[in-house]
Amino acid sequence: RFNAATRQMVAIARALSMRARLVIMDESTSSLDEREVETLFATIRKL
C-alpha cells in the first residue's frame, strides 16, 4: 500500500535490523522521483 520510497526505507530498516555493516544498493533510485531520491540520500548519509 506504500510508495516506492517507503518500500526502500523498509528494505533498509530490514538491513539495519540485521545489524548490517555494509548495505549494497543496486540501482535503488530507478523507481523513485526526485523528492524520494533526496529522502534516500538523507538516509544514506545517516547510515
PDB file of all heavy atoms in Angstrom:
ATOM      1  N   ARG A   1       0.815  -1.220   0.000  1.00  0.00           N
ATOM      2  CA  ARG A   1       0.000   0.000   0.000  1.00  0.00           C
ATOM      3  C   ARG A   1       0.848   1.270   0.000  1.00  0.00           C
ATOM      4  O   ARG A   1       0.322   2.363  -0.153  1.00  0.00           O
ATOM      5  CB  ARG A   1      -0.933   0.007   1.210  1.00  0.00           C
ATOM      6  CG  ARG A   1      -1.979  -1.091   1.182  1.00  0.00           C
ATOM      7  CD  ARG A   1      -2.989  -0.927   2.306  1.00  0.00           C
ATOM      8  NE  ARG A   1      -3.976  -2.006   2.284  1.00  0.00           N
ATOM      9  CZ  ARG A   1      -4.974  -2.110   3.150  1.00  0.00           C
ATOM     10  NH1 ARG A   1      -5.108  -1.194   4.121  1.00  0.00           N
ATOM     11  NH2 ARG A   1      -5.825  -3.124   3.073  1.00  0.00           N
ATOM     12  N   PHE A   2       2.167   1.103   0.178  1.00  0.00           N
ATOM     13  CA  PHE A   2       3.033   2.275   0.288  1.00  0.00           C
ATOM     14  C   PHE A   2       3.789   2.516  -1.010  1.00  0.00           C
ATOM     15  O   PHE A   2       3.932   1.620  -1.854  1.00  0.00           O
ATOM     16  CB  PHE A   2       4.007   2.096   1.460  1.00  0.00           C
ATOM     17  CG  PHE A   2       3.328   1.998   2.796  1.00  0.00           C
ATOM     18  CD1 PHE A   2       3.067   0.752   3.362  1.00  0.00           C
ATOM     19  CD2 PHE A   2       2.924   3.139   3.471  1.00  0.00           C
ATOM     20  CE1 PHE A   2       2.435   0.651   4.586  1.00  0.00           C
ATOM     21  CE2 PHE A   2       2.292   3.049   4.704  1.00  0.00           C
ATOM     22  CZ  PHE A   2       2.041   1.806   5.256  1.00  0.00           C
ATOM     23  N   ASN A   3       4.288   3.757  -1.165  1.00  0.00           N
ATOM     24  CA  ASN A   3       5.006   4.113  -2.387  1.00  0.00           C
ATOM     25  C   ASN A   3       6.410   3.502  -2.395  1.00  0.00           C
ATOM     26  O   ASN A   3       6.857   2.895  -1.426  1.00  0.00           O
ATOM     27  CB  ASN A   3       5.072   5.636  -2.563  1.00  0.00           C
ATOM     28  CG  ASN A   3       5.822   6.331  -1.432  1.00  0.00           C
ATOM     29  OD1 ASN A   3       6.592   5.708  -0.694  1.00  0.00           O
ATOM     30  ND2 ASN A   3       5.608   7.628  -1.292  1.00  0.00           N
ATOM     31  N   ALA A   4       7.099   3.701  -3.541  1.00  0.00           N
ATOM     32  CA  ALA A   4       8.405   3.067  -3.728  1.00  0.00           C
ATOM     33  C   ALA A   4       9.419   3.538  -2.693  1.00  0.00           C
ATOM     34  O   ALA A   4      10.243   2.755  -2.211  1.00  0.00           O
ATOM     35  CB  ALA A   4       8.925   3.350  -5.135  1.00  0.00           C
ATOM     36  N   ALA A   5       9.375   4.832  -2.354  1.00  0.00           N
ATOM     37  CA  ALA A   5      10.343   5.360  -1.388  1.00  0.00           C
ATOM     38  C   ALA A   5      10.172   4.704  -0.023  1.00  0.00           C
ATOM     39  O   ALA A   5      11.152   4.344   0.637  1.00  0.00           O
ATOM     40  CB  ALA A   5      10.201   6.873  -1.279  1.00  0.00           C
ATOM     41  N   THR A   6       8.926   4.545   0.409  1.00  0.00           N
ATOM     42  CA  THR A   6       8.678   3.909   1.703  1.00  0.00           C
ATOM     43  C   THR A   6       9.131   2.456   1.679  1.00  0.00           C
ATOM     44  O   THR A   6       9.725   1.954   2.650  1.00  0.00           O
ATOM     45  CB  THR A   6       7.183   3.996   2.058  1.00  0.00           C
ATOM     46  OG1 THR A   6       6.794   5.375   2.135  1.00  0.00           O
ATOM     47  CG2 THR A   6       6.902   3.314   3.392  1.00  0.00           C
ATOM     48  N   ARG A   7       8.887   1.767   0.563  1.00  0.00           N
ATOM     49  CA  ARG A   7       9.337   0.369   0.466  1.00  0.00           C
ATOM     50  C   ARG A   7      10.866   0.287   0.532  1.00  0.00           C
ATOM     51  O   ARG A   7      11.420  -0.651   1.125  1.00  0.00           O
ATOM     52  CB  ARG A   7       8.809  -0.255  -0.828  1.00  0.00           C
ATOM     53  CG  ARG A   7       7.293  -0.379  -0.870  1.00  0.00           C
ATOM     54  CD  ARG A   7       6.824  -1.332  -1.953  1.00  0.00           C
ATOM     55  NE  ARG A   7       7.175  -0.892  -3.286  1.00  0.00           N
ATOM     56  CZ  ARG A   7       6.421  -0.095  -4.038  1.00  0.00           C
ATOM     57  NH1 ARG A   7       5.264   0.355  -3.558  1.00  0.00           N
ATOM     58  NH2 ARG A   7       6.804   0.234  -5.257  1.00  0.00           N
ATOM     59  N   GLN A   8      11.550   1.280  -0.071  1.00  0.00           N
ATOM     60  CA  GLN A   8      13.009   1.322   0.039  1.00  0.00           C
ATOM     61  C   GLN A   8      13.430   1.487   1.499  1.00  0.00           C
ATOM     62  O   GLN A   8      14.369   0.840   1.970  1.00  0.00           O
ATOM     63  CB  GLN A   8      13.572   2.484  -0.786  1.00  0.00           C
ATOM     64  CG  GLN A   8      13.497   2.288  -2.283  1.00  0.00           C
ATOM     65  CD  GLN A   8      14.591   1.365  -2.791  1.00  0.00           C
ATOM     66  OE1 GLN A   8      15.286   0.730  -2.020  1.00  0.00           O
ATOM     67  NE2 GLN A   8      14.742   1.295  -4.100  1.00  0.00           N
ATOM     68  N   MET A   9      12.742   2.374   2.228  1.00  0.00           N
ATOM     69  CA  MET A   9      13.084   2.587   3.630  1.00  0.00           C
ATOM     70  C   MET A   9      12.851   1.322   4.448  1.00  0.00           C
ATOM     71  O   MET A   9      13.634   1.009   5.363  1.00  0.00           O
ATOM     72  CB  MET A   9      12.242   3.735   4.213  1.00  0.00           C
ATOM     73  CG  MET A   9      12.482   5.103   3.608  1.00  0.00           C
ATOM     74  SD  MET A   9      14.206   5.643   3.719  1.00  0.00           S
ATOM     75  CE  MET A   9      14.670   5.553   2.005  1.00  0.00           C
ATOM     76  N   VAL A  10      11.799   0.600   4.125  1.00  0.00           N
ATOM     77  CA  VAL A  10      11.531  -0.654   4.828  1.00  0.00           C
ATOM     78  C   VAL A  10      12.643  -1.668   4.544  1.00  0.00           C
ATOM     79  O   VAL A  10      13.108  -2.376   5.450  1.00  0.00           O
ATOM     80  CB  VAL A  10      10.159  -1.223   4.426  1.00  0.00           C
ATOM     81  CG1 VAL A  10       9.959  -2.629   4.995  1.00  0.00           C
ATOM     82  CG2 VAL A  10       9.043  -0.299   4.920  1.00  0.00           C
ATOM     83  N   ALA A  11      13.094  -1.718   3.299  1.00  0.00           N
ATOM     84  CA  ALA A  11      14.199  -2.622   2.955  1.00  0.00           C
ATOM     85  C   ALA A  11      15.462  -2.256   3.722  1.00  0.00           C
ATOM     86  O   ALA A  11      16.199  -3.132   4.185  1.00  0.00           O
ATOM     87  CB  ALA A  11      14.448  -2.578   1.447  1.00  0.00           C
ATOM     88  N   ILE A  12      15.711  -0.950   3.852  1.00  0.00           N
ATOM     89  CA  ILE A  12      16.883  -0.514   4.609  1.00  0.00           C
ATOM     90  C   ILE A  12      16.705  -0.831   6.094  1.00  0.00           C
ATOM     91  O   ILE A  12      17.652  -1.273   6.763  1.00  0.00           O
ATOM     92  CB  ILE A  12      17.126   0.993   4.395  1.00  0.00           C
ATOM     93  CG1 ILE A  12      17.499   1.255   2.926  1.00  0.00           C
ATOM     94  CG2 ILE A  12      18.232   1.502   5.313  1.00  0.00           C
ATOM     95  CD1 ILE A  12      17.586   2.723   2.574  1.00  0.00           C
ATOM     96  N   ALA A  13      15.496  -0.611   6.608  1.00  0.00           N
ATOM     97  CA  ALA A  13      15.237  -0.943   8.013  1.00  0.00           C
ATOM     98  C   ALA A  13      15.455  -2.426   8.272  1.00  0.00           C
ATOM     99  O   ALA A  13      15.995  -2.815   9.318  1.00  0.00           O
ATOM    100  CB  ALA A  13      13.804  -0.541   8.383  1.00  0.00           C
ATOM    101  N   ARG A  14      15.053  -3.255   7.325  1.00  0.00           N
ATOM    102  CA  ARG A  14      15.296  -4.693   7.460  1.00  0.00           C
ATOM    103  C   ARG A  14      16.794  -4.974   7.529  1.00  0.00           C
ATOM    104  O   ARG A  14      17.248  -5.781   8.347  1.00  0.00           O
ATOM    105  CB  ARG A  14      14.666  -5.441   6.282  1.00  0.00           C
ATOM    106  CG  ARG A  14      14.969  -6.920   6.254  1.00  0.00           C
ATOM    107  CD  ARG A  14      14.242  -7.624   5.115  1.00  0.00           C
ATOM    108  NE  ARG A  14      14.747  -8.983   4.939  1.00  0.00           N
ATOM    109  CZ  ARG A  14      14.367 -10.018   5.674  1.00  0.00           C
ATOM    110  NH1 ARG A  14      13.489  -9.852   6.643  1.00  0.00           N
ATOM    111  NH2 ARG A  14      14.865 -11.216   5.448  1.00  0.00           N
ATOM    112  N   ALA A  15      17.559  -4.277   6.671  1.00  0.00           N
ATOM    113  CA  ALA A  15      19.011  -4.467   6.676  1.00  0.00           C
ATOM    114  C   ALA A  15      19.599  -4.066   8.023  1.00  0.00           C
ATOM    115  O   ALA A  15      20.464  -4.761   8.574  1.00  0.00           O
ATOM    116  CB  ALA A  15      19.642  -3.647   5.559  1.00  0.00           C
ATOM    117  N   LEU A  16      19.135  -2.943   8.565  1.00  0.00           N
ATOM    118  CA  LEU A  16      19.671  -2.487   9.848  1.00  0.00           C
ATOM    119  C   LEU A  16      19.248  -3.397  10.993  1.00  0.00           C
ATOM    120  O   LEU A  16      19.990  -3.553  11.971  1.00  0.00           O
ATOM    121  CB  LEU A  16      19.213  -1.054  10.120  1.00  0.00           C
ATOM    122  CG  LEU A  16      19.795   0.015   9.187  1.00  0.00           C
ATOM    123  CD1 LEU A  16      19.345   1.400   9.622  1.00  0.00           C
ATOM    124  CD2 LEU A  16      21.314  -0.047   9.157  1.00  0.00           C
ATOM    125  N   SER A  17      18.049  -3.978  10.862  1.00  0.00           N
ATOM    126  CA  SER A  17      17.614  -4.896  11.916  1.00  0.00           C
ATOM    127  C   SER A  17      18.505  -6.129  11.967  1.00  0.00           C
ATOM    128  O   SER A  17      18.555  -6.839  12.974  1.00  0.00           O
ATOM    129  CB  SER A  17      16.152  -5.313  11.686  1.00  0.00           C
ATOM    130  OG  SER A  17      16.046  -6.200  10.588  1.00  0.00           O
ATOM    131  N   MET A  18      19.207  -6.394  10.851  1.00  0.00           N
ATOM    132  CA  MET A  18      20.174  -7.491  10.822  1.00  0.00           C
ATOM    133  C   MET A  18      21.546  -7.028  11.299  1.00  0.00           C
ATOM    134  O   MET A  18      22.518  -7.775  11.226  1.00  0.00           O
ATOM    135  CB  MET A  18      20.321  -8.022   9.377  1.00  0.00           C
ATOM    136  CG  MET A  18      19.064  -8.519   8.744  1.00  0.00           C
ATOM    137  SD  MET A  18      19.408  -8.999   7.017  1.00  0.00           S
ATOM    138  CE  MET A  18      17.767  -9.292   6.418  1.00  0.00           C
ATOM    139  N   ARG A  19      21.602  -5.775  11.732  1.00  0.00           N
ATOM    140  CA  ARG A  19      22.868  -5.168  12.162  1.00  0.00           C
ATOM    141  C   ARG A  19      23.881  -5.153  11.016  1.00  0.00           C
ATOM    142  O   ARG A  19      25.047  -5.546  11.191  1.00  0.00           O
ATOM    143  CB  ARG A  19      23.430  -5.892  13.387  1.00  0.00           C
ATOM    144  CG  ARG A  19      22.496  -5.798  14.587  1.00  0.00           C
ATOM    145  CD  ARG A  19      23.065  -6.464  15.807  1.00  0.00           C
ATOM    146  NE  ARG A  19      22.158  -6.359  16.934  1.00  0.00           N
ATOM    147  CZ  ARG A  19      22.360  -6.884  18.126  1.00  0.00           C
ATOM    148  NH1 ARG A  19      23.470  -7.586  18.335  1.00  0.00           N
ATOM    149  NH2 ARG A  19      21.490  -6.731  19.091  1.00  0.00           N
ATOM    150  N   ALA A  20      23.404  -4.718   9.874  1.00  0.00           N
ATOM    151  CA  ALA A  20      24.262  -4.678   8.688  1.00  0.00           C
ATOM    152  C   ALA A  20      25.386  -3.673   8.875  1.00  0.00           C
ATOM    153  O   ALA A  20      25.189  -2.572   9.376  1.00  0.00           O
ATOM    154  CB  ALA A  20      23.438  -4.305   7.457  1.00  0.00           C
ATOM    155  N   ARG A  21      26.590  -4.066   8.452  1.00  0.00           N
ATOM    156  CA  ARG A  21      27.741  -3.154   8.439  1.00  0.00           C
ATOM    157  C   ARG A  21      28.018  -2.634   7.043  1.00  0.00           C
ATOM    158  O   ARG A  21      28.659  -1.598   6.873  1.00  0.00           O
ATOM    159  CB  ARG A  21      28.972  -3.878   8.985  1.00  0.00           C
ATOM    160  CG  ARG A  21      28.859  -4.198  10.474  1.00  0.00           C
ATOM    161  CD  ARG A  21      30.124  -4.862  10.984  1.00  0.00           C
ATOM    162  NE  ARG A  21      30.226  -6.242  10.518  1.00  0.00           N
ATOM    163  CZ  ARG A  21      31.324  -6.984  10.651  1.00  0.00           C
ATOM    164  NH1 ARG A  21      32.404  -6.446  11.198  1.00  0.00           N
ATOM    165  NH2 ARG A  21      31.339  -8.242  10.239  1.00  0.00           N
ATOM    166  N   LEU A  22      27.523  -3.373   6.034  1.00  0.00           N
ATOM    167  CA  LEU A  22      27.622  -2.938   4.640  1.00  0.00           C
ATOM    168  C   LEU A  22      26.260  -3.128   3.994  1.00  0.00           C
ATOM    169  O   LEU A  22      25.694  -4.217   4.035  1.00  0.00           O
ATOM    170  CB  LEU A  22      28.671  -3.762   3.880  1.00  0.00           C
ATOM    171  CG  LEU A  22      28.697  -3.541   2.362  1.00  0.00           C
ATOM    172  CD1 LEU A  22      29.136  -2.121   2.023  1.00  0.00           C
ATOM    173  CD2 LEU A  22      29.606  -4.554   1.668  1.00  0.00           C
ATOM    174  N   VAL A  23      25.737  -2.048   3.417  1.00  0.00           N
ATOM    175  CA  VAL A  23      24.471  -2.110   2.683  1.00  0.00           C
ATOM    176  C   VAL A  23      24.780  -1.887   1.203  1.00  0.00           C
ATOM    177  O   VAL A  23      25.357  -0.869   0.828  1.00  0.00           O
ATOM    178  CB  VAL A  23      23.465  -1.052   3.184  1.00  0.00           C
ATOM    179  CG1 VAL A  23      22.188  -1.094   2.344  1.00  0.00           C
ATOM    180  CG2 VAL A  23      23.140  -1.280   4.653  1.00  0.00           C
ATOM    181  N   ILE A  24      24.416  -2.853   0.370  1.00  0.00           N
ATOM    182  CA  ILE A  24      24.620  -2.749  -1.073  1.00  0.00           C
ATOM    183  C   ILE A  24      23.317  -2.284  -1.704  1.00  0.00           C
ATOM    184  O   ILE A  24      22.280  -2.940  -1.554  1.00  0.00           O
ATOM    185  CB  ILE A  24      25.042  -4.102  -1.670  1.00  0.00           C
ATOM    186  CG1 ILE A  24      26.331  -4.594  -1.001  1.00  0.00           C
ATOM    187  CG2 ILE A  24      25.227  -3.996  -3.179  1.00  0.00           C
ATOM    188  CD1 ILE A  24      26.705  -6.016  -1.355  1.00  0.00           C
ATOM    189  N   MET A  25      23.364  -1.151  -2.391  1.00  0.00           N
ATOM    190  CA  MET A  25      22.176  -0.596  -3.053  1.00  0.00           C
ATOM    191  C   MET A  25      22.370  -0.692  -4.560  1.00  0.00           C
ATOM    192  O   MET A  25      23.171   0.035  -5.137  1.00  0.00           O
ATOM    193  CB  MET A  25      21.955   0.852  -2.620  1.00  0.00           C
ATOM    194  CG  MET A  25      21.653   1.010  -1.151  1.00  0.00           C
ATOM    195  SD  MET A  25      21.214   2.705  -0.698  1.00  0.00           S
ATOM    196  CE  MET A  25      20.848   2.486   1.053  1.00  0.00           C
ATOM    197  N   ASP A  26      21.633  -1.608  -5.173  1.00  0.00           N
ATOM    198  CA  ASP A  26      21.781  -1.890  -6.602  1.00  0.00           C
ATOM    199  C   ASP A  26      20.662  -1.186  -7.367  1.00  0.00           C
ATOM    200  O   ASP A  26      19.532  -1.654  -7.399  1.00  0.00           O
ATOM    201  CB  ASP A  26      21.731  -3.398  -6.829  1.00  0.00           C
ATOM    202  CG  ASP A  26      22.116  -3.776  -8.251  1.00  0.00           C
ATOM    203  OD1 ASP A  26      22.369  -2.874  -9.064  1.00  0.00           O
ATOM    204  OD2 ASP A  26      22.169  -4.981  -8.543  1.00  0.00           O
ATOM    205  N   GLU A  27      20.985  -0.042  -7.984  1.00  0.00           N
ATOM    206  CA  GLU A  27      20.011   0.747  -8.750  1.00  0.00           C
ATOM    207  C   GLU A  27      18.770   1.040  -7.919  1.00  0.00           C
ATOM    208  O   GLU A  27      17.634   0.970  -8.397  1.00  0.00           O
ATOM    209  CB  GLU A  27      19.624   0.010 -10.039  1.00  0.00           C
ATOM    210  CG  GLU A  27      20.759  -0.172 -11.015  1.00  0.00           C
ATOM    211  CD  GLU A  27      21.200   1.115 -11.692  1.00  0.00           C
ATOM    212  OE1 GLU A  27      20.507   2.133 -11.537  1.00  0.00           O
ATOM    213  OE2 GLU A  27      22.249   1.113 -12.346  1.00  0.00           O
ATOM    214  N   SER A  28      18.980   1.430  -6.673  1.00  0.00           N
ATOM    215  CA  SER A  28      17.859   1.623  -5.756  1.00  0.00           C
ATOM    216  C   SER A  28      17.041   2.873  -6.056  1.00  0.00           C
ATOM    217  O   SER A  28      15.940   3.032  -5.525  1.00  0.00           O
ATOM    218  CB  SER A  28      18.370   1.694  -4.310  1.00  0.00           C
ATOM    219  OG  SER A  28      18.944   0.473  -3.928  1.00  0.00           O
ATOM    220  N   THR A  29      17.547   3.778  -6.886  1.00  0.00           N
ATOM    221  CA  THR A  29      16.814   5.016  -7.164  1.00  0.00           C
ATOM    222  C   THR A  29      16.013   4.955  -8.452  1.00  0.00           C
ATOM    223  O   THR A  29      15.340   5.917  -8.805  1.00  0.00           O
ATOM    224  CB  THR A  29      17.788   6.213  -7.268  1.00  0.00           C
ATOM    225  OG1 THR A  29      18.649   6.022  -8.402  1.00  0.00           O
ATOM    226  CG2 THR A  29      18.626   6.343  -6.023  1.00  0.00           C
ATOM    227  N   SER A  30      16.064   3.831  -9.172  1.00  0.00           N
ATOM    228  CA  SER A  30      15.487   3.785 -10.518  1.00  0.00           C
ATOM    229  C   SER A  30      13.985   4.037 -10.529  1.00  0.00           C
ATOM    230  O   SER A  30      13.451   4.554 -11.510  1.00  0.00           O
ATOM    231  CB  SER A  30      15.797   2.445 -11.174  1.00  0.00           C
ATOM    232  OG  SER A  30      15.241   1.390 -10.428  1.00  0.00           O
ATOM    233  N   SER A  31      13.274   3.662  -9.447  1.00  0.00           N
ATOM    234  CA  SER A  31      11.817   3.819  -9.430  1.00  0.00           C
ATOM    235  C   SER A  31      11.368   4.978  -8.542  1.00  0.00           C
ATOM    236  O   SER A  31      10.177   5.116  -8.258  1.00  0.00           O
ATOM    237  CB  SER A  31      11.166   2.515  -8.942  1.00  0.00           C
ATOM    238  OG  SER A  31      11.626   2.183  -7.643  1.00  0.00           O
ATOM    239  N   LEU A  32      12.306   5.828  -8.109  1.00  0.00           N
ATOM    240  CA  LEU A  32      11.972   6.922  -7.202  1.00  0.00           C
ATOM    241  C   LEU A  32      11.920   8.244  -7.937  1.00  0.00           C
ATOM    242  O   LEU A  32      12.633   8.468  -8.911  1.00  0.00           O
ATOM    243  CB  LEU A  32      13.011   7.012  -6.075  1.00  0.00           C
ATOM    244  CG  LEU A  32      13.288   5.742  -5.262  1.00  0.00           C
ATOM    245  CD1 LEU A  32      14.284   6.046  -4.162  1.00  0.00           C
ATOM    246  CD2 LEU A  32      12.004   5.181  -4.681  1.00  0.00           C
ATOM    247  N   ASP A  33      11.053   9.163  -7.451  1.00  0.00           N
ATOM    248  CA  ASP A  33      11.066  10.510  -8.003  1.00  0.00           C
ATOM    249  C   ASP A  33      12.129  11.334  -7.272  1.00  0.00           C
ATOM    250  O   ASP A  33      12.787  10.846  -6.343  1.00  0.00           O
ATOM    251  CB  ASP A  33       9.681  11.169  -7.920  1.00  0.00           C
ATOM    252  CG  ASP A  33       9.178  11.350  -6.485  1.00  0.00           C
ATOM    253  OD1 ASP A  33      10.011  11.521  -5.557  1.00  0.00           O
ATOM    254  OD2 ASP A  33       7.954  11.343  -6.284  1.00  0.00           O
ATOM    255  N   GLU A  34      12.321  12.592  -7.693  1.00  0.00           N
ATOM    256  CA  GLU A  34      13.438  13.385  -7.163  1.00  0.00           C
ATOM    257  C   GLU A  34      13.326  13.604  -5.659  1.00  0.00           C
ATOM    258  O   GLU A  34      14.323  13.546  -4.938  1.00  0.00           O
ATOM    259  CB  GLU A  34      13.517  14.717  -7.905  1.00  0.00           C
ATOM    260  CG  GLU A  34      13.953  14.567  -9.353  1.00  0.00           C
ATOM    261  CD  GLU A  34      14.165  15.897 -10.039  1.00  0.00           C
ATOM    262  OE1 GLU A  34      14.222  16.926  -9.339  1.00  0.00           O
ATOM    263  OE2 GLU A  34      14.274  15.918 -11.286  1.00  0.00           O
ATOM    264  N   ARG A  35      12.104  13.851  -5.172  1.00  0.00           N
ATOM    265  CA  ARG A  35      11.929  14.058  -3.728  1.00  0.00           C
ATOM    266  C   ARG A  35      12.264  12.786  -2.961  1.00  0.00           C
ATOM    267  O   ARG A  35      12.918  12.827  -1.911  1.00  0.00           O
ATOM    268  CB  ARG A  35      10.493  14.491  -3.446  1.00  0.00           C
ATOM    269  CG  ARG A  35      10.187  14.746  -1.966  1.00  0.00           C
ATOM    270  CD  ARG A  35       8.729  15.091  -1.769  1.00  0.00           C
ATOM    271  NE  ARG A  35       7.863  14.055  -2.301  1.00  0.00           N
ATOM    272  CZ  ARG A  35       7.578  12.924  -1.647  1.00  0.00           C
ATOM    273  NH1 ARG A  35       8.131  12.682  -0.452  1.00  0.00           N
ATOM    274  NH2 ARG A  35       6.774  12.033  -2.184  1.00  0.00           N
ATOM    275  N   GLU A  36      11.829  11.652  -3.494  1.00  0.00           N
ATOM    276  CA  GLU A  36      12.104  10.375  -2.840  1.00  0.00           C
ATOM    277  C   GLU A  36      13.597  10.048  -2.871  1.00  0.00           C
ATOM    278  O   GLU A  36      14.128   9.459  -1.922  1.00  0.00           O
ATOM    279  CB  GLU A  36      11.289   9.271  -3.517  1.00  0.00           C
ATOM    280  CG  GLU A  36       9.789   9.408  -3.289  1.00  0.00           C
ATOM    281  CD  GLU A  36       8.974   8.480  -4.173  1.00  0.00           C
ATOM    282  OE1 GLU A  36       9.504   8.043  -5.218  1.00  0.00           O
ATOM    283  OE2 GLU A  36       7.812   8.212  -3.828  1.00  0.00           O
ATOM    284  N   VAL A  37      14.271  10.433  -3.958  1.00  0.00           N
ATOM    285  CA  VAL A  37      15.716  10.222  -4.035  1.00  0.00           C
ATOM    286  C   VAL A  37      16.423  11.013  -2.938  1.00  0.00           C
ATOM    287  O   VAL A  37      17.353  10.513  -2.288  1.00  0.00           O
ATOM    288  CB  VAL A  37      16.258  10.622  -5.424  1.00  0.00           C
ATOM    289  CG1 VAL A  37      17.784  10.662  -5.424  1.00  0.00           C
ATOM    290  CG2 VAL A  37      15.777   9.638  -6.477  1.00  0.00           C
ATOM    291  N   GLU A  38      15.990  12.249  -2.716  1.00  0.00           N
ATOM    292  CA  GLU A  38      16.605  13.056  -1.659  1.00  0.00           C
ATOM    293  C   GLU A  38      16.393  12.417  -0.293  1.00  0.00           C
ATOM    294  O   GLU A  38      17.281  12.453   0.568  1.00  0.00           O
ATOM    295  CB  GLU A  38      16.040  14.484  -1.694  1.00  0.00           C
ATOM    296  CG  GLU A  38      16.634  15.351  -2.781  1.00  0.00           C
ATOM    297  CD  GLU A  38      18.156  15.398  -2.699  1.00  0.00           C
ATOM    298  OE1 GLU A  38      18.701  15.567  -1.589  1.00  0.00           O
ATOM    299  OE2 GLU A  38      18.808  15.241  -3.747  1.00  0.00           O
ATOM    300  N   THR A  39      15.209  11.825  -0.082  1.00  0.00           N
ATOM    301  CA  THR A  39      14.951  11.118   1.175  1.00  0.00           C
ATOM    302  C   THR A  39      15.909   9.940   1.327  1.00  0.00           C
ATOM    303  O   THR A  39      16.476   9.710   2.409  1.00  0.00           O
ATOM    304  CB  THR A  39      13.494  10.616   1.216  1.00  0.00           C
ATOM    305  OG1 THR A  39      12.598  11.720   1.111  1.00  0.00           O
ATOM    306  CG2 THR A  39      13.220   9.860   2.514  1.00  0.00           C
ATOM    307  N   LEU A  40      16.103   9.213   0.245  1.00  0.00           N
ATOM    308  CA  LEU A  40      17.033   8.072   0.282  1.00  0.00           C
ATOM    309  C   LEU A  40      18.446   8.546   0.562  1.00  0.00           C
ATOM    310  O   LEU A  40      19.173   7.934   1.370  1.00  0.00           O
ATOM    311  CB  LEU A  40      16.981   7.313  -1.044  1.00  0.00           C
ATOM    312  CG  LEU A  40      17.935   6.123  -1.165  1.00  0.00           C
ATOM    313  CD1 LEU A  40      17.608   5.053  -0.137  1.00  0.00           C
ATOM    314  CD2 LEU A  40      17.906   5.537  -2.571  1.00  0.00           C
ATOM    315  N   PHE A  41      18.860   9.636  -0.087  1.00  0.00           N
ATOM    316  CA  PHE A  41      20.218  10.146   0.126  1.00  0.00           C
ATOM    317  C   PHE A  41      20.411  10.595   1.579  1.00  0.00           C
ATOM    318  O   PHE A  41      21.482  10.395   2.162  1.00  0.00           O
ATOM    319  CB  PHE A  41      20.502  11.308  -0.825  1.00  0.00           C
ATOM    320  CG  PHE A  41      20.751  10.876  -2.248  1.00  0.00           C
ATOM    321  CD1 PHE A  41      21.008  11.816  -3.235  1.00  0.00           C
ATOM    322  CD2 PHE A  41      20.729   9.540  -2.610  1.00  0.00           C
ATOM    323  CE1 PHE A  41      21.243  11.422  -4.543  1.00  0.00           C
ATOM    324  CE2 PHE A  41      20.954   9.138  -3.905  1.00  0.00           C
ATOM    325  CZ  PHE A  41      21.210  10.083  -4.879  1.00  0.00           C
ATOM    326  N   ALA A  42      19.382  11.217   2.146  1.00  0.00           N
ATOM    327  CA  ALA A  42      19.472  11.623   3.556  1.00  0.00           C
ATOM    328  C   ALA A  42      19.640  10.399   4.451  1.00  0.00           C
ATOM    329  O   ALA A  42      20.402  10.421   5.432  1.00  0.00           O
ATOM    330  CB  ALA A  42      18.224  12.408   3.958  1.00  0.00           C
ATOM    331  N   THR A  43      18.959   9.315   4.090  1.00  0.00           N
ATOM    332  CA  THR A  43      19.088   8.068   4.847  1.00  0.00           C
ATOM    333  C   THR A  43      20.487   7.496   4.714  1.00  0.00           C
ATOM    334  O   THR A  43      21.080   7.014   5.694  1.00  0.00           O
ATOM    335  CB  THR A  43      18.049   7.052   4.350  1.00  0.00           C
ATOM    336  OG1 THR A  43      16.742   7.592   4.517  1.00  0.00           O
ATOM    337  CG2 THR A  43      18.164   5.744   5.111  1.00  0.00           C
ATOM    338  N   ILE A  44      21.040   7.551   3.497  1.00  0.00           N
ATOM    339  CA  ILE A  44      22.402   7.053   3.285  1.00  0.00           C
ATOM    340  C   ILE A  44      23.386   7.835   4.143  1.00  0.00           C
ATOM    341  O   ILE A  44      24.287   7.260   4.777  1.00  0.00           O
ATOM    342  CB  ILE A  44      22.780   7.155   1.791  1.00  0.00           C
ATOM    343  CG1 ILE A  44      21.983   6.125   0.988  1.00  0.00           C
ATOM    344  CG2 ILE A  44      24.279   6.943   1.588  1.00  0.00           C
ATOM    345  CD1 ILE A  44      22.170   6.241  -0.505  1.00  0.00           C
ATOM    346  N   ARG A  45      23.223   9.158   4.181  1.00  0.00           N
ATOM    347  CA  ARG A  45      24.135   9.977   4.996  1.00  0.00           C
ATOM    348  C   ARG A  45      24.000   9.645   6.476  1.00  0.00           C
ATOM    349  O   ARG A  45      24.986   9.659   7.222  1.00  0.00           O
ATOM    350  CB  ARG A  45      23.859  11.453   4.725  1.00  0.00           C
ATOM    351  CG  ARG A  45      24.174  11.876   3.285  1.00  0.00           C
ATOM    352  CD  ARG A  45      23.938  13.354   3.041  1.00  0.00           C
ATOM    353  NE  ARG A  45      24.164  13.686   1.638  1.00  0.00           N
ATOM    354  CZ  ARG A  45      23.208  13.969   0.770  1.00  0.00           C
ATOM    355  NH1 ARG A  45      21.942  13.979   1.166  1.00  0.00           N
ATOM    356  NH2 ARG A  45      23.499  14.248  -0.490  1.00  0.00           N
ATOM    357  N   LYS A  46      22.788   9.340   6.893  1.00  0.00           N
ATOM    358  CA  LYS A  46      22.586   8.954   8.292  1.00  0.00           C
ATOM    359  C   LYS A  46      23.278   7.625   8.576  1.00  0.00           C
ATOM    360  O   LYS A  46      23.932   7.465   9.614  1.00  0.00           O
ATOM    361  CB  LYS A  46      21.082   8.853   8.591  1.00  0.00           C
ATOM    362  CG  LYS A  46      20.761   8.400  10.015  1.00  0.00           C
ATOM    363  CD  LYS A  46      19.270   8.391  10.248  1.00  0.00           C
ATOM    364  CE  LYS A  46      18.945   7.816  11.622  1.00  0.00           C
ATOM    365  NZ  LYS A  46      19.554   8.590  12.719  1.00  0.00           N
ATOM    366  N   LEU A  47      23.159   6.672   7.654  1.00  0.00           N
ATOM    367  CA  LEU A  47      23.806   5.375   7.835  1.00  0.00           C
ATOM    368  C   LEU A  47      25.307   5.524   7.945  1.00  0.00           C
ATOM    369  O   LEU A  47      25.941   4.954   8.851  1.00  0.00           O
ATOM    370  CB  LEU A  47      23.468   4.452   6.662  1.00  0.00           C
ATOM    371  CG  LEU A  47      22.029   3.955   6.521  1.00  0.00           C
ATOM    372  CD1 LEU A  47      21.864   3.147   5.239  1.00  0.00           C
ATOM    373  CD2 LEU A  47      21.620   3.140   7.727  1.00  0.00           C
TER     374      LEU A  47
END
